Amino acid sequence: MHLPLNALRAFEVSARHLNLTRAAEELHVTQTAVSQHIRNLEDRLGKPLFRRLPRGLALTDEGLALLPALADAFGRIERALAQCGDTRPREVLTVGAVGTFAVGWLLPRLQAFQQQCPFVDLRLLTNNNRVDLAGEGLDCAIRFGDGAWHGTEADHLLEAPLTAMCSPALAARLRAPAGLAREALLRSYRADEWAAWFGAAGVPCPVVRGTVFDSSLALAEAAAQGAGVALLPALLFERELRQGRLVRPFRAEIALGAYWLTRLRSRAPSAGLAAFRDWLLATCAENRPAVDTAPAMP
């Protein structure tokens, strides 16, 4: 069936507003023209798409069925035209990122970057915080630490204090931080973390003999499965906290570093890197995940 594009557009806009005057304003035509387009479309379909009410419009069942398909189609057209209108050459940008940051923070927001900067073809390589920018051919890298890496420019992204986290079943056995001495304390490659956390909690640090992990993602999964208690950045495990797979039994936390965007000083930033940096800094500043810092138990 051949249907005029202008009529379909007039219906889609009118259906969104449920008001012909506002639809005409968006389309920069007269209200009469919008009405004619809609009548033409209804005549061709042989079915009404709107019910005319004293103070506006209401969609019929046929209109309700047609609207989502048209809204999706016109949205795709607009995005394709935006890409065609972008005169910047396409650029491959290779980014290294700590796996915890990539999975817990970057991936849920990556679509927003791709929509804002469609000229950038992102290549994301995850690591466990050990990275060689030049040797691995990276344009930039997101790292955890103090921001002081030789030969690099570093932009501060996020603070990520560590806190004790474990499964709900294990947390039910805990009444005070000292009780952790009877549990398996899972460890990262940073050997001083548990000592610092117990210091912040105000109790002596027991002998720590738990399994050592080179990835916070694996560490978190082990804790969620009940293997022990882990020190993790709650900010980057918001999903697991919401789902109840992990809980925070105590309020104490420690700050041993932050996440930084780093690049070589010897290499001028490309247009793609500049766009990624600007988007990342703005998104980190404006859209940090909201984490409930209250303890899971008294």
C-alpha atoms as a PDB file:
ATOM      1  CA  MET A   1       0.000   0.000   0.000  1.00  0.00           C
ATOM      2  CA  HIS A   2       1.409   3.384  -1.013  1.00  0.00           C
ATOM      3  CA  LEU A   3       0.975   5.969   1.742  1.00  0.00           C
ATOM      4  CA  PRO A   4       2.211   9.565   1.480  1.00  0.00           C
ATOM      5  CA  LEU A   5       5.141  10.325   3.795  1.00  0.00           C
ATOM      6  CA  ASN A   6       3.809  13.765   4.724  1.00  0.00           C
ATOM      7  CA  ALA A   7       0.551  12.229   5.889  1.00  0.00           C
ATOM      8  CA  LEU A   8       2.349   9.635   7.993  1.00  0.00           C
ATOM      9  CA  ARG A   9       4.505  12.361   9.564  1.00  0.00           C
ATOM     10  CA  ALA A  10       1.468  14.516  10.269  1.00  0.00           C
ATOM     11  CA  PHE A  11      -0.199  11.584  12.027  1.00  0.00           C
ATOM     12  CA  GLU A  12       2.922  10.728  14.093  1.00  0.00           C
ATOM     13  CA  VAL A  13       3.361  14.307  15.335  1.00  0.00           C
ATOM     14  CA  SER A  14      -0.355  14.765  16.011  1.00  0.00           C
ATOM     15  CA  ALA A  15      -0.464  11.458  17.899  1.00  0.00           C
ATOM     16  CA  ARG A  16       2.412  12.565  20.115  1.00  0.00           C
ATOM     17  CA  HIS A  17       0.791  15.891  20.971  1.00  0.00           C
ATOM     18  CA  LEU A  18      -2.875  14.847  20.684  1.00  0.00           C
ATOM     19  CA  ASN A  19      -3.344  18.431  19.567  1.00  0.00           C
ATOM     20  CA  LEU A  20      -3.468  19.665  15.958  1.00  0.00           C
ATOM     21  CA  THR A  21      -2.303  23.181  16.803  1.00  0.00           C
ATOM     22  CA  ARG A  22       0.891  21.988  18.464  1.00  0.00           C
ATOM     23  CA  ALA A  23       1.449  19.491  15.653  1.00  0.00           C
ATOM     24  CA  ALA A  24       1.158  22.277  13.083  1.00  0.00           C
ATOM     25  CA  GLU A  25       3.673  24.373  15.022  1.00  0.00           C
ATOM     26  CA  GLU A  26       6.213  21.512  15.075  1.00  0.00           C
ATOM     27  CA  LEU A  27       5.746  20.820  11.356  1.00  0.00           C
ATOM     28  CA  HIS A  28       5.722  24.521  10.396  1.00  0.00           C
ATOM     29  CA  VAL A  29       2.466  24.192   8.466  1.00  0.00           C
ATOM     30  CA  THR A  30      -1.107  25.274   9.073  1.00  0.00           C
ATOM     31  CA  GLN A  31      -3.550  23.353  11.226  1.00  0.00           C
ATOM     32  CA  THR A  32      -5.720  22.917   8.149  1.00  0.00           C
ATOM     33  CA  ALA A  33      -2.855  21.207   6.316  1.00  0.00           C
ATOM     34  CA  VAL A  34      -2.340  18.799   9.215  1.00  0.00           C
ATOM     35  CA  SER A  35      -6.056  17.954   9.268  1.00  0.00           C
ATOM     36  CA  GLN A  36      -6.059  17.313   5.523  1.00  0.00           C
ATOM     37  CA  HIS A  37      -3.049  14.993   5.770  1.00  0.00           C
ATOM     38  CA  ILE A  38      -4.711  12.982   8.526  1.00  0.00           C
ATOM     39  CA  ARG A  39      -8.033  12.744   6.658  1.00  0.00           C
ATOM     40  CA  ASN A  40      -6.149  11.619   3.550  1.00  0.00           C
ATOM     41  CA  LEU A  41      -4.360   8.900   5.552  1.00  0.00           C
ATOM     42  CA  GLU A  42      -7.598   7.735   7.189  1.00  0.00           C
ATOM     43  CA  ASP A  43      -9.323   7.590   3.798  1.00  0.00           C
ATOM     44  CA  ARG A  44      -6.523   5.461   2.340  1.00  0.00           C
ATOM     45  CA  LEU A  45      -6.535   3.099   5.341  1.00  0.00           C
ATOM     46  CA  GLY A  46     -10.319   3.010   5.490  1.00  0.00           C
ATOM     47  CA  LYS A  47     -10.257   3.412   9.250  1.00  0.00           C
ATOM     48  CA  PRO A  48     -10.244   6.361  11.680  1.00  0.00           C
ATOM     49  CA  LEU A  49      -7.003   6.972  13.571  1.00  0.00           C
ATOM     50  CA  PHE A  50      -8.317   9.608  15.987  1.00  0.00           C
ATOM     51  CA  ARG A  51     -11.472  10.266  17.929  1.00  0.00           C
ATOM     52  CA  ARG A  52     -12.256  13.984  17.843  1.00  0.00           C
ATOM     53  CA  LEU A  53     -13.038  15.183  21.366  1.00  0.00           C
ATOM     54  CA  PRO A  54     -14.286  18.610  22.519  1.00  0.00           C
ATOM     55  CA  ARG A  55     -10.825  19.437  23.898  1.00  0.00           C
ATOM     56  CA  GLY A  56      -8.397  17.537  21.752  1.00  0.00           C
ATOM     57  CA  LEU A  57      -7.831  14.134  20.223  1.00  0.00           C
ATOM     58  CA  ALA A  58      -7.732  10.522  21.343  1.00  0.00           C
ATOM     59  CA  LEU A  59      -6.200   7.645  19.425  1.00  0.00           C
ATOM     60  CA  THR A  60      -8.344   4.802  18.181  1.00  0.00           C
ATOM     61  CA  ASP A  61      -7.120   1.217  18.486  1.00  0.00           C
ATOM     62  CA  GLU A  62      -5.774   1.494  14.921  1.00  0.00           C
ATOM     63  CA  GLY A  63      -3.956   4.705  15.796  1.00  0.00           C
ATOM     64  CA  LEU A  64      -2.448   3.150  18.902  1.00  0.00           C
ATOM     65  CA  ALA A  65      -1.150   0.233  16.824  1.00  0.00           C
ATOM     66  CA  LEU A  66       0.331   2.481  14.124  1.00  0.00           C
ATOM     67  CA  LEU A  67       2.061   5.072  16.329  1.00  0.00           C
ATOM     68  CA  PRO A  68       4.986   2.973  17.770  1.00  0.00           C
ATOM     69  CA  ALA A  69       6.034   1.735  14.335  1.00  0.00           C
ATOM     70  CA  LEU A  70       6.025   5.232  12.845  1.00  0.00           C
ATOM     71  CA  ALA A  71       7.811   6.791  15.825  1.00  0.00           C
ATOM     72  CA  ASP A  72      10.567   4.171  15.543  1.00  0.00           C
ATOM     73  CA  ALA A  73      10.867   4.607  11.767  1.00  0.00           C
ATOM     74  CA  PHE A  74      11.063   8.416  11.882  1.00  0.00           C
ATOM     75  CA  GLY A  75      13.557   8.192  14.749  1.00  0.00           C
ATOM     76  CA  ARG A  76      15.823   5.982  12.668  1.00  0.00           C
ATOM     77  CA  ILE A  77      15.576   8.368   9.730  1.00  0.00           C
ATOM     78  CA  GLU A  78      16.539  11.323  11.915  1.00  0.00           C
ATOM     79  CA  ARG A  79      19.551   9.487  13.325  1.00  0.00           C
ATOM     80  CA  ALA A  80      20.707   8.433   9.863  1.00  0.00           C
ATOM     81  CA  LEU A  81      20.376  11.982   8.547  1.00  0.00           C
ATOM     82  CA  ALA A  82      22.321  13.310  11.534  1.00  0.00           C
ATOM     83  CA  GLN A  83      25.177  10.955  10.695  1.00  0.00           C
ATOM     84  CA  CYS A  84      25.093  11.982   7.033  1.00  0.00           C
ATOM     85  CA  GLY A  85      25.221  15.620   8.051  1.00  0.00           C
ATOM     86  CA  ASP A  86      28.272  15.126  10.278  1.00  0.00           C
ATOM     87  CA  THR A  87      31.168  16.367   8.155  1.00  0.00           C
ATOM     88  CA  ARG A  88      33.854  15.038  10.510  1.00  0.00           C
ATOM     89  CA  PRO A  89      35.717  12.009   9.132  1.00  0.00           C
ATOM     90  CA  ARG A  90      35.055   8.724  10.897  1.00  0.00           C
ATOM     91  CA  GLU A  91      37.735   7.869  13.419  1.00  0.00           C
ATOM     92  CA  VAL A  92      38.672   4.695  15.257  1.00  0.00           C
ATOM     93  CA  LEU A  93      39.353   5.408  18.939  1.00  0.00           C
ATOM     94  CA  THR A  94      40.995   2.659  20.986  1.00  0.00           C
ATOM     95  CA  VAL A  95      40.304   2.964  24.714  1.00  0.00           C
ATOM     96  CA  GLY A  96      41.704   0.790  27.473  1.00  0.00           C
ATOM     97  CA  ALA A  97      39.664   0.598  30.664  1.00  0.00           C
ATOM     98  CA  VAL A  98      39.784  -1.154  33.991  1.00  0.00           C
ATOM     99  CA  GLY A  99      37.205  -3.926  33.712  1.00  0.00           C
ATOM    100  CA  THR A 100      35.339  -2.784  36.830  1.00  0.00           C
ATOM    101  CA  PHE A 101      34.847   0.718  35.449  1.00  0.00           C
ATOM    102  CA  ALA A 102      33.986  -0.556  31.976  1.00  0.00           C
ATOM    103  CA  VAL A 103      31.262  -2.944  33.159  1.00  0.00           C
ATOM    104  CA  GLY A 104      29.958  -1.037  36.181  1.00  0.00           C
ATOM    105  CA  TRP A 105      29.924   2.500  34.807  1.00  0.00           C
ATOM    106  CA  LEU A 106      30.861   2.936  31.153  1.00  0.00           C
ATOM    107  CA  LEU A 107      28.808   0.256  29.386  1.00  0.00           C
ATOM    108  CA  PRO A 108      25.413   1.442  30.709  1.00  0.00           C
ATOM    109  CA  ARG A 109      26.177   4.892  29.247  1.00  0.00           C
ATOM    110  CA  LEU A 110      27.996   3.959  26.053  1.00  0.00           C
ATOM    111  CA  GLN A 111      24.956   4.281  23.814  1.00  0.00           C
ATOM    112  CA  ALA A 112      24.651   7.946  24.810  1.00  0.00           C
ATOM    113  CA  PHE A 113      28.215   8.581  23.626  1.00  0.00           C
ATOM    114  CA  GLN A 114      27.641   6.767  20.349  1.00  0.00           C
ATOM    115  CA  GLN A 115      24.538   8.854  19.678  1.00  0.00           C
ATOM    116  CA  GLN A 116      26.338  12.088  20.549  1.00  0.00           C
ATOM    117  CA  CYS A 117      29.515  11.274  18.578  1.00  0.00           C
ATOM    118  CA  PRO A 118      28.555   8.909  15.739  1.00  0.00           C
ATOM    119  CA  PHE A 119      31.779   9.699  13.861  1.00  0.00           C
ATOM    120  CA  VAL A 120      33.795   7.796  16.496  1.00  0.00           C
ATOM    121  CA  ASP A 121      34.193   4.024  16.105  1.00  0.00           C
ATOM    122  CA  LEU A 122      35.084   2.997  19.657  1.00  0.00           C
ATOM    123  CA  ARG A 123      37.331   0.020  20.397  1.00  0.00           C
ATOM    124  CA  LEU A 124      37.146  -0.879  24.095  1.00  0.00           C
ATOM    125  CA  LEU A 125      39.856  -3.097  25.602  1.00  0.00           C
ATOM    126  CA  THR A 126      39.504  -4.072  29.264  1.00  0.00           C
ATOM    127  CA  ASN A 127      42.374  -4.734  31.657  1.00  0.00           C
ATOM    128  CA  ASN A 128      43.147  -5.190  35.354  1.00  0.00           C
ATOM    129  CA  ASN A 129      44.752  -1.730  35.726  1.00  0.00           C
ATOM    130  CA  ARG A 130      48.088  -2.719  34.213  1.00  0.00           C
ATOM    131  CA  VAL A 131      48.374  -0.942  30.889  1.00  0.00           C
ATOM    132  CA  ASP A 132      50.999   0.266  28.406  1.00  0.00           C
ATOM    133  CA  LEU A 133      49.500   3.073  26.319  1.00  0.00           C
ATOM    134  CA  ALA A 134      52.189   3.107  23.634  1.00  0.00           C
ATOM    135  CA  GLY A 135      52.897  -0.624  23.559  1.00  0.00           C
ATOM    136  CA  GLU A 136      49.228  -1.581  23.280  1.00  0.00           C
ATOM    137  CA  GLY A 137      48.389   1.105  20.730  1.00  0.00           C
ATOM    138  CA  LEU A 138      45.855   2.810  22.983  1.00  0.00           C
ATOM    139  CA  ASP A 139      44.658   6.351  22.362  1.00  0.00           C
ATOM    140  CA  CYS A 140      43.733   6.675  26.047  1.00  0.00           C
ATOM    141  CA  ALA A 141      43.173   4.532  29.127  1.00  0.00           C
ATOM    142  CA  ILE A 142      40.888   4.705  32.151  1.00  0.00           C
ATOM    143  CA  ARG A 143      42.903   3.730  35.239  1.00  0.00           C
ATOM    144  CA  PHE A 144      42.519   3.490  38.987  1.00  0.00           C
ATOM    145  CA  GLY A 145      45.149   5.199  41.121  1.00  0.00           C
ATOM    146  CA  ASP A 146      46.479   8.596  42.162  1.00  0.00           C
ATOM    147  CA  GLY A 147      46.648  10.163  38.709  1.00  0.00           C
ATOM    148  CA  ALA A 148      50.456  10.211  38.612  1.00  0.00           C
ATOM    149  CA  TRP A 149      51.641   8.057  35.722  1.00  0.00           C
ATOM    150  CA  HIS A 150      54.915   8.942  33.997  1.00  0.00           C
ATOM    151  CA  GLY A 151      54.563  10.732  30.676  1.00  0.00           C
ATOM    152  CA  THR A 152      50.769  11.004  30.793  1.00  0.00           C
ATOM    153  CA  GLU A 153      48.081  13.650  31.085  1.00  0.00           C
ATOM    154  CA  ALA A 154      45.416  12.562  33.578  1.00  0.00           C
ATOM    155  CA  ASP A 155      41.837  13.842  34.003  1.00  0.00           C
ATOM    156  CA  HIS A 156      40.032  12.984  37.224  1.00  0.00           C
ATOM    157  CA  LEU A 157      36.794  11.069  36.606  1.00  0.00           C
ATOM    158  CA  LEU A 158      35.342   9.475  39.740  1.00  0.00           C
ATOM    159  CA  GLU A 159      36.135   8.831  43.365  1.00  0.00           C
ATOM    160  CA  ALA A 160      35.510   5.176  44.189  1.00  0.00           C
ATOM    161  CA  PRO A 161      35.917   4.411  47.911  1.00  0.00           C
ATOM    162  CA  LEU A 162      36.080   0.743  48.877  1.00  0.00           C
ATOM    163  CA  THR A 163      33.676  -0.860  51.297  1.00  0.00           C
ATOM    164  CA  ALA A 164      33.102  -4.387  52.608  1.00  0.00           C
ATOM    165  CA  MET A 165      30.522  -6.259  50.516  1.00  0.00           C
ATOM    166  CA  CYS A 166      29.200  -9.804  50.673  1.00  0.00           C
ATOM    167  CA  SER A 167      26.188 -12.001  50.015  1.00  0.00           C
ATOM    168  CA  PRO A 168      23.021 -11.430  52.079  1.00  0.00           C
ATOM    169  CA  ALA A 169      23.376 -14.877  53.673  1.00  0.00           C
ATOM    170  CA  LEU A 170      26.889 -14.125  54.893  1.00  0.00           C
ATOM    171  CA  ALA A 171      25.882 -10.638  56.068  1.00  0.00           C
ATOM    172  CA  ALA A 172      23.196 -12.171  58.265  1.00  0.00           C
ATOM    173  CA  ARG A 173      25.977 -13.710  60.408  1.00  0.00           C
ATOM    174  CA  LEU A 174      27.692 -10.370  61.023  1.00  0.00           C
ATOM    175  CA  ARG A 175      26.967  -8.071  63.934  1.00  0.00           C
ATOM    176  CA  ALA A 176      30.107  -5.905  64.095  1.00  0.00           C
ATOM    177  CA  PRO A 177      33.260  -5.365  61.996  1.00  0.00           C
ATOM    178  CA  ALA A 178      35.234  -7.540  64.404  1.00  0.00           C
ATOM    179  CA  GLY A 179      33.100 -10.477  63.258  1.00  0.00           C
ATOM    180  CA  LEU A 180      34.858 -10.397  59.901  1.00  0.00           C
ATOM    181  CA  ALA A 181      37.827 -12.094  61.572  1.00  0.00           C
ATOM    182  CA  ARG A 182      35.813 -15.325  61.394  1.00  0.00           C
ATOM    183  CA  GLU A 183      35.074 -14.968  57.660  1.00  0.00           C
ATOM    184  CA  ALA A 184      37.124 -15.449  54.505  1.00  0.00           C
ATOM    185  CA  LEU A 185      38.448 -12.056  53.464  1.00  0.00           C
ATOM    186  CA  LEU A 186      38.847 -12.017  49.710  1.00  0.00           C
ATOM    187  CA  ARG A 187      41.747  -9.950  48.418  1.00  0.00           C
ATOM    188  CA  SER A 188      42.923  -7.977  45.389  1.00  0.00           C
ATOM    189  CA  TYR A 189      46.548  -7.554  44.369  1.00  0.00           C
ATOM    190  CA  ARG A 190      46.718  -4.457  46.644  1.00  0.00           C
ATOM    191  CA  ALA A 191      47.823  -6.079  49.895  1.00  0.00           C
ATOM    192  CA  ASP A 192      47.131  -3.113  52.208  1.00  0.00           C
ATOM    193  CA  GLU A 193      43.406  -2.724  51.574  1.00  0.00           C
ATOM    194  CA  TRP A 194      42.034  -4.807  54.430  1.00  0.00           C
ATOM    195  CA  ALA A 195      44.428  -3.277  56.955  1.00  0.00           C
ATOM    196  CA  ALA A 196      43.275   0.190  55.888  1.00  0.00           C
ATOM    197  CA  TRP A 197      39.605  -0.804  56.070  1.00  0.00           C
ATOM    198  CA  PHE A 198      39.875  -2.300  59.560  1.00  0.00           C
ATOM    199  CA  GLY A 199      41.700   0.854  60.623  1.00  0.00           C
ATOM    200  CA  ALA A 200      38.783   2.951  59.320  1.00  0.00           C
ATOM    201  CA  ALA A 201      36.354   0.628  61.149  1.00  0.00           C
ATOM    202  CA  GLY A 202      38.312   1.059  64.386  1.00  0.00           C
ATOM    203  CA  VAL A 203      39.145  -2.588  65.032  1.00  0.00           C
ATOM    204  CA  PRO A 204      42.396  -4.598  64.768  1.00  0.00           C
ATOM    205  CA  CYS A 205      43.056  -6.247  61.422  1.00  0.00           C
ATOM    206  CA  PRO A 206      43.098 -10.051  61.617  1.00  0.00           C
ATOM    207  CA  VAL A 207      45.446 -12.231  59.614  1.00  0.00           C
ATOM    208  CA  VAL A 208      44.111 -12.134  56.065  1.00  0.00           C
ATOM    209  CA  ARG A 209      44.367 -15.435  54.203  1.00  0.00           C
ATOM    210  CA  GLY A 210      41.545 -15.262  51.652  1.00  0.00           C
ATOM    211  CA  THR A 211      41.867 -15.950  47.942  1.00  0.00           C
ATOM    212  CA  VAL A 212      43.666 -13.313  45.860  1.00  0.00           C
ATOM    213  CA  PHE A 213      42.011 -12.037  42.643  1.00  0.00           C
ATOM    214  CA  ASP A 214      43.454  -9.875  39.876  1.00  0.00           C
ATOM    215  CA  SER A 215      40.008  -8.612  38.848  1.00  0.00           C
ATOM    216  CA  SER A 216      37.407  -6.788  40.921  1.00  0.00           C
ATOM    217  CA  LEU A 217      34.713  -8.317  38.716  1.00  0.00           C
ATOM    218  CA  ALA A 218      35.794 -11.821  39.692  1.00  0.00           C
ATOM    219  CA  LEU A 219      36.209 -10.673  43.280  1.00  0.00           C
ATOM    220  CA  ALA A 220      32.629  -9.343  43.348  1.00  0.00           C
ATOM    221  CA  GLU A 221      31.215 -12.512  41.809  1.00  0.00           C
ATOM    222  CA  ALA A 222      33.001 -14.656  44.392  1.00  0.00           C
ATOM    223  CA  ALA A 223      31.554 -12.509  47.169  1.00  0.00           C
ATOM    224  CA  ALA A 224      28.059 -12.683  45.659  1.00  0.00           C
ATOM    225  CA  GLN A 225      28.313 -16.480  45.577  1.00  0.00           C
ATOM    226  CA  GLY A 226      29.156 -16.583  49.285  1.00  0.00           C
ATOM    227  CA  ALA A 227      32.884 -17.288  49.066  1.00  0.00           C
ATOM    228  CA  GLY A 228      33.738 -14.497  51.484  1.00  0.00           C
ATOM    229  CA  VAL A 229      33.778 -10.743  52.018  1.00  0.00           C
ATOM    230  CA  ALA A 230      35.361  -8.407  49.459  1.00  0.00           C
ATOM    231  CA  LEU A 231      36.411  -4.779  49.432  1.00  0.00           C
ATOM    232  CA  LEU A 232      34.743  -3.215  46.409  1.00  0.00           C
ATOM    233  CA  PRO A 233      33.777   0.234  45.096  1.00  0.00           C
ATOM    234  CA  ALA A 234      30.029   0.377  45.757  1.00  0.00           C
ATOM    235  CA  LEU A 235      29.703   3.074  43.100  1.00  0.00           C
ATOM    236  CA  LEU A 236      30.553   0.554  40.389  1.00  0.00           C
ATOM    237  CA  PHE A 237      28.444  -2.306  41.729  1.00  0.00           C
ATOM    238  CA  GLU A 238      25.180  -0.408  41.999  1.00  0.00           C
ATOM    239  CA  ARG A 239      23.349  -3.009  39.907  1.00  0.00           C
ATOM    240  CA  GLU A 240      24.377  -5.881  42.209  1.00  0.00           C
ATOM    241  CA  LEU A 241      23.342  -3.836  45.239  1.00  0.00           C
ATOM    242  CA  ARG A 242      19.936  -3.064  43.732  1.00  0.00           C
ATOM    243  CA  GLN A 243      19.442  -6.720  42.830  1.00  0.00           C
ATOM    244  CA  GLY A 244      20.362  -7.792  46.357  1.00  0.00           C
ATOM    245  CA  ARG A 245      23.173 -10.097  45.194  1.00  0.00           C
ATOM    246  CA  LEU A 246      25.599  -8.022  47.272  1.00  0.00           C
ATOM    247  CA  VAL A 247      25.031  -6.009  50.436  1.00  0.00           C
ATOM    248  CA  ARG A 248      27.084  -3.605  52.550  1.00  0.00           C
ATOM    249  CA  PRO A 249      27.073  -4.888  56.140  1.00  0.00           C
ATOM    250  CA  PHE A 250      28.970  -1.887  57.543  1.00  0.00           C
ATOM    251  CA  ARG A 251      29.362   1.802  56.804  1.00  0.00           C
ATOM    252  CA  ALA A 252      33.183   2.005  56.955  1.00  0.00           C
ATOM    253  CA  GLU A 253      34.935   2.761  53.663  1.00  0.00           C
ATOM    254  CA  ILE A 254      38.389   3.771  52.503  1.00  0.00           C
ATOM    255  CA  ALA A 255      39.633   5.898  49.606  1.00  0.00           C
ATOM    256  CA  LEU A 256      42.822   4.506  48.094  1.00  0.00           C
ATOM    257  CA  GLY A 257      42.532   6.157  44.700  1.00  0.00           C
ATOM    258  CA  ALA A 258      40.207   7.356  41.967  1.00  0.00           C
ATOM    259  CA  TYR A 259      39.473   6.683  38.316  1.00  0.00           C
ATOM    260  CA  TRP A 260      41.345   8.786  35.761  1.00  0.00           C
ATOM    261  CA  LEU A 261      41.342   9.195  31.993  1.00  0.00           C
ATOM    262  CA  THR A 262      44.966   9.151  30.826  1.00  0.00           C
ATOM    263  CA  ARG A 263      46.738   9.760  27.522  1.00  0.00           C
ATOM    264  CA  LEU A 264      50.344  10.205  26.415  1.00  0.00           C
ATOM    265  CA  ARG A 265      51.643  13.771  26.652  1.00  0.00           C
ATOM    266  CA  SER A 266      53.733  13.174  23.549  1.00  0.00           C
ATOM    267  CA  ARG A 267      50.668  12.606  21.340  1.00  0.00           C
ATOM    268  CA  ALA A 268      48.237  15.403  20.467  1.00  0.00           C
ATOM    269  CA  PRO A 269      44.602  14.389  21.045  1.00  0.00           C
ATOM    270  CA  SER A 270      42.573  13.630  17.929  1.00  0.00           C
ATOM    271  CA  ALA A 271      39.049  14.937  17.349  1.00  0.00           C
ATOM    272  CA  GLY A 272      37.647  11.599  18.487  1.00  0.00           C
ATOM    273  CA  LEU A 273      39.675  11.560  21.686  1.00  0.00           C
ATOM    274  CA  ALA A 274      38.711  15.159  22.452  1.00  0.00           C
ATOM    275  CA  ALA A 275      35.036  14.299  21.952  1.00  0.00           C
ATOM    276  CA  PHE A 276      35.287  11.189  24.157  1.00  0.00           C
ATOM    277  CA  ARG A 277      37.138  13.131  26.873  1.00  0.00           C
ATOM    278  CA  ASP A 278      34.591  15.966  26.895  1.00  0.00           C
ATOM    279  CA  TRP A 279      31.661  13.543  27.009  1.00  0.00           C
ATOM    280  CA  LEU A 280      33.249  11.393  29.727  1.00  0.00           C
ATOM    281  CA  LEU A 281      34.116  14.328  31.997  1.00  0.00           C
ATOM    282  CA  ALA A 282      30.665  15.862  31.620  1.00  0.00           C
ATOM    283  CA  THR A 283      28.882  12.550  32.198  1.00  0.00           C
ATOM    284  CA  CYS A 284      30.960  11.730  35.267  1.00  0.00           C
ATOM    285  CA  ALA A 285      30.216  15.165  36.725  1.00  0.00           C
ATOM    286  CA  GLU A 286      26.489  15.161  36.000  1.00  0.00           C
ATOM    287  CA  ASN A 287      25.344  11.555  36.100  1.00  0.00           C
ATOM    288  CA  ARG A 288      27.100   9.665  38.852  1.00  0.00           C
ATOM    289  CA  PRO A 289      25.203   6.536  39.963  1.00  0.00           C
ATOM    290  CA  ALA A 290      23.230   6.973  43.165  1.00  0.00           C
ATOM    291  CA  VAL A 291      24.387   4.364  45.673  1.00  0.00           C
ATOM    292  CA  ASP A 292      22.670   3.776  48.998  1.00  0.00           C
ATOM    293  CA  THR A 293      25.496   4.090  51.513  1.00  0.00           C
ATOM    294  CA  ALA A 294      23.449   2.991  54.519  1.00  0.00           C
ATOM    295  CA  PRO A 295      24.581  -0.250  56.153  1.00  0.00           C
ATOM    296  CA  ALA A 296      22.507  -3.362  55.545  1.00  0.00           C
ATOM    297  CA  MET A 297      22.074  -4.010  59.266  1.00  0.00           C
ATOM    298  CA  PRO A 298      22.359  -2.082  62.547  1.00  0.00           C
END
